Structure formats: structure tokens, C-alpha cells
C-alpha atoms as a PDB file:
ATOM      1  CA  UNK A   1       0.000   0.000   0.000  1.00  0.00           C
ATOM      2  CA  UNK A   2       1.419   3.355  -0.985  1.00  0.00           C
ATOM      3  CA  UNK A   3       0.986   6.132   1.526  1.00  0.00           C
ATOM      4  CA  UNK A   4      -0.024   9.572   0.348  1.00  0.00           C
ATOM      5  CA  UNK A   5       2.812  12.122   0.363  1.00  0.00           C
ATOM      6  CA  UNK A   6       3.201  14.097   3.567  1.00  0.00           C
ATOM      7  CA  UNK A   7       2.633  17.814   3.491  1.00  0.00           C
ATOM      8  CA  UNK A   8       5.782  18.260   5.604  1.00  0.00           C
ATOM      9  CA  UNK A   9       8.230  16.802   3.111  1.00  0.00           C
ATOM     10  CA  UNK A  10       9.229  18.140  -0.264  1.00  0.00           C
ATOM     11  CA  UNK A  11       7.569  16.595  -3.274  1.00  0.00           C
ATOM     12  CA  UNK A  12      10.876  15.145  -4.525  1.00  0.00           C
ATOM     13  CA  UNK A  13      11.342  13.184  -1.302  1.00  0.00           C
ATOM     14  CA  UNK A  14      14.204  15.109   0.264  1.00  0.00           C
ATOM     15  CA  UNK A  15      14.524  18.352   2.133  1.00  0.00           C
ATOM     16  CA  UNK A  16      12.152  20.183   4.437  1.00  0.00           C
ATOM     17  CA  UNK A  17       9.199  22.284   3.514  1.00  0.00           C
ATOM     18  CA  UNK A  18       8.437  25.572   5.248  1.00  0.00           C
ATOM     19  CA  UNK A  19       5.632  23.783   7.133  1.00  0.00           C
ATOM     20  CA  UNK A  20       8.128  21.325   8.649  1.00  0.00           C
ATOM     21  CA  UNK A  21      10.453  24.174   9.617  1.00  0.00           C
ATOM     22  CA  UNK A  22       7.567  25.909  11.388  1.00  0.00           C
ATOM     23  CA  UNK A  23       6.562  22.695  13.168  1.00  0.00           C
ATOM     24  CA  UNK A  24      10.101  22.032  14.412  1.00  0.00           C
ATOM     25  CA  UNK A  25      10.905  25.614  15.421  1.00  0.00           C
ATOM     26  CA  UNK A  26       9.178  25.422  18.803  1.00  0.00           C
ATOM     27  CA  UNK A  27      11.265  22.392  19.830  1.00  0.00           C
ATOM     28  CA  UNK A  28      14.615  23.819  18.726  1.00  0.00           C
ATOM     29  CA  UNK A  29      15.397  25.824  21.876  1.00  0.00           C
ATOM     30  CA  UNK A  30      14.220  23.139  24.290  1.00  0.00           C
ATOM     31  CA  UNK A  31      16.178  20.403  22.521  1.00  0.00           C
ATOM     32  CA  UNK A  32      19.291  22.585  22.344  1.00  0.00           C
ATOM     33  CA  UNK A  33      19.151  23.353  26.073  1.00  0.00           C
ATOM     34  CA  UNK A  34      18.618  19.671  26.885  1.00  0.00           C
ATOM     35  CA  UNK A  35      21.589  18.703  24.700  1.00  0.00           C
ATOM     36  CA  UNK A  36      23.831  21.289  26.357  1.00  0.00           C
ATOM     37  CA  UNK A  37      22.780  20.136  29.828  1.00  0.00           C
ATOM     38  CA  UNK A  38      23.516  16.504  28.963  1.00  0.00           C
ATOM     39  CA  UNK A  39      26.858  17.434  27.441  1.00  0.00           C
ATOM     40  CA  UNK A  40      27.759  19.460  30.542  1.00  0.00           C
ATOM     41  CA  UNK A  41      26.781  16.643  32.887  1.00  0.00           C
ATOM     42  CA  UNK A  42      28.755  14.029  30.960  1.00  0.00           C
ATOM     43  CA  UNK A  43      31.763  16.359  30.772  1.00  0.00           C
ATOM     44  CA  UNK A  44      31.590  17.037  34.513  1.00  0.00           C
ATOM     45  CA  UNK A  45      31.420  13.325  35.384  1.00  0.00           C
ATOM     46  CA  UNK A  46      34.304  12.549  33.032  1.00  0.00           C
ATOM     47  CA  UNK A  47      36.517  15.340  34.364  1.00  0.00           C
ATOM     48  CA  UNK A  48      35.705  14.508  38.007  1.00  0.00           C
ATOM     49  CA  UNK A  49      36.566  10.836  37.540  1.00  0.00           C
ATOM     50  CA  UNK A  50      39.730  11.681  35.621  1.00  0.00           C
ATOM     51  CA  UNK A  51      40.912  14.071  38.327  1.00  0.00           C
ATOM     52  CA  UNK A  52      39.978  11.632  41.108  1.00  0.00           C
ATOM     53  CA  UNK A  53      42.069   8.860  39.555  1.00  0.00           C
ATOM     54  CA  UNK A  54      44.904  11.257  38.808  1.00  0.00           C
ATOM     55  CA  UNK A  55      45.160  12.203  42.492  1.00  0.00           C
ATOM     56  CA  UNK A  56      45.271   8.593  43.669  1.00  0.00           C
ATOM     57  CA  UNK A  57      48.675   7.435  44.879  1.00  0.00           C
ATOM     58  CA  UNK A  58      48.356   3.747  43.862  1.00  0.00           C
ATOM     59  CA  UNK A  59      51.273   3.044  46.209  1.00  0.00           C
ATOM     60  CA  UNK A  60      49.300   0.542  48.252  1.00  0.00           C
ATOM     61  CA  UNK A  61      48.916  -1.859  45.320  1.00  0.00           C
ATOM     62  CA  UNK A  62      51.604  -4.574  45.389  1.00  0.00           C
ATOM     63  CA  UNK A  63      53.410  -5.176  42.118  1.00  0.00           C
ATOM     64  CA  UNK A  64      54.661  -8.609  41.091  1.00  0.00           C
ATOM     65  CA  UNK A  65      58.430  -8.998  40.855  1.00  0.00           C
ATOM     66  CA  UNK A  66      59.998  -8.343  37.484  1.00  0.00           C
ATOM     67  CA  UNK A  67      61.005 -11.429  35.525  1.00  0.00           C
ATOM     68  CA  UNK A  68      64.673 -12.306  35.755  1.00  0.00           C
ATOM     69  CA  UNK A  69      66.768 -11.557  32.693  1.00  0.00           C
ATOM     70  CA  UNK A  70      69.719 -13.579  33.895  1.00  0.00           C
ATOM     71  CA  UNK A  71      69.758 -17.058  32.251  1.00  0.00           C
ATOM     72  CA  UNK A  72      71.664 -18.604  35.173  1.00  0.00           C
ATOM     73  CA  UNK A  73      69.124 -17.367  37.701  1.00  0.00           C
ATOM     74  CA  UNK A  74      66.348 -19.126  35.793  1.00  0.00           C
ATOM     75  CA  UNK A  75      68.083 -22.503  36.225  1.00  0.00           C
ATOM     76  CA  UNK A  76      69.223 -21.982  39.811  1.00  0.00           C
ATOM     77  CA  UNK A  77      67.224 -24.349  42.070  1.00  0.00           C
ATOM     78  CA  UNK A  78      67.550 -21.917  44.987  1.00  0.00           C
ATOM     79  CA  UNK A  79      65.529 -19.313  43.102  1.00  0.00           C
ATOM     80  CA  UNK A  80      62.893 -21.690  41.753  1.00  0.00           C
ATOM     81  CA  UNK A  81      59.438 -21.462  43.219  1.00  0.00           C
ATOM     82  CA  UNK A  82      58.114 -24.544  44.967  1.00  0.00           C
END
């Protein structure tokens, strides 16, 4: 079933008609403010978490020992783990 063409779209199928511009105009400011508020909130959460991690010392986390580069130490039974 073919739908009749909408009065809000151009007859060639692309672009906006003046009626669609008028219909969308009242939502432009509200949507822009909502987008800016969301962007500000996401930016604030990102910057807060980045700064919180940056200030952390991470000195209380134990690091595993570095692997030995000495070939003799790898074959020494005294240094082998049991």
C-alpha cells in the first residue's frame, strides 16, 4: 500500500518544507538546552573521575616482581618457586 505524500516533506522526497520548519521551530530551543545540559553533565562526570584517579597514589597496590633476565638465575634451584 502506498501512503499519500506528507505535506511536511518536499515533493521530490528530500529536504524540508516551510511547514516542517515551522513545526520544528518550537522544539529547537528546548532540545538545544537539553543537549547542552547533557553534554555538561557528561563532561563534569568525566573530568571529576579523571581528576579523582589522577590524584590517587596507587602506592598501596603490590606489584609482582619483574622477571629475571639472567639465564643462570632461571636454572638456579635456589631461586625456583616450589
